[in-house]
Amino acid sequence: LEILVTVLNENDNSPVFAQPNLTRDVPEDTKVDTAIVAREELSASDADLDIIYYELTTTVQDTDGYFAIRGVNNPEIYLQKALDFDKFNSTTLLLYARDRPVTSPDPTNTATATITITIRQRDTRAPWFLPCTQLHSDTSVCISSPYSGRVNISEMSTDPLLLEPGPIYAVDPDYTINDRIVYSIVGGNRDEVFSVDADTGNLTMNKIVTSPNSFLLQVMATQVSNIRKYSVATVEIKVINKSNFAPSFEKKVYNGTVFVGLPLRSFVYQAGDPSTPLVITAMDQDFPDV
């Protein structure tokens, strides 16, 4: 009597990852659809020779959708959405390997691999002139106001010029790189009247100004290690007559009258003359016609 015995394979083994913990550094400017971790490094094995089904999740809030796998049976991790170092600089992914589909009613064995992703900031932004206001919708942009200052006609200043809203100053917004900034004047500098210190950004005079025409300088801030990253700011220098006298009021004391019950923004009237609004005036000997 010949008896044929068939041994049925019971699902009594869990999938196993060769490397249950992986770490990857990903540059911020990595192109979408680039593979981050290869399938060969992530594929799990199963002693029962079952088909493995994979699922990828993230444990860090607001980092969903950036990384994905190619398919339920292909655990290769790729970049699905462009990275932004300012939004997050690291995340932790969990890759699940199951020997049954998620929807299967049969008992399922599962293995988990942890992938730690660190985002490496790249030199993606041009220098920012400070102070500036950053846009909520686009963290790569910071809008600065033009600088302004003034000089006296026919007078040579040896000190750095005082500017509003502050001195010329720019920074590398890719702060983990923090490249050094150098400054130069690239436009508007008639007769080379002004010069800018390459390292400090201080604006000084080379010669006196003999005409009342204002200057509209263009000052460029350039990164030392990447000259393709630069920004240009406008500096308006007004030329004025030197002021030798301070303004003075025509009177030392002014007397006015108000009435009970007047609405807001009502006139204050001259004391003793309730029909004439009180007027306060000053004079300046430097500007007798003003």
Foldseek 3Di string as FASTA:
>chain_A
DDDDDDDDQDQPWAWAAPAQEAEFEAEQADDFPAFGAAQVNGDTDTPSRAQKFKDKDWDDPPPPPQWDAPHRRGRTITGHDHGDVVVDFKTKMKMKIWRDDPPDPDDIHIDIGIYIYGYDYDQDAFKDWPDWDADPVDNRDTHDDFKEFEDEAPDFDPFFTAIPPGATDIWRPSVVVTFAKFKFWDDQCPPVQWTAGGRPRGIHGPHGHHDQDKTWIWMKIAGPVDRVRIDIHIYIYGYHHDAPWDKDWPDPDFDWDDDPPDDPPDFTCGVPDRVHGGDTDIAGPVCRPD
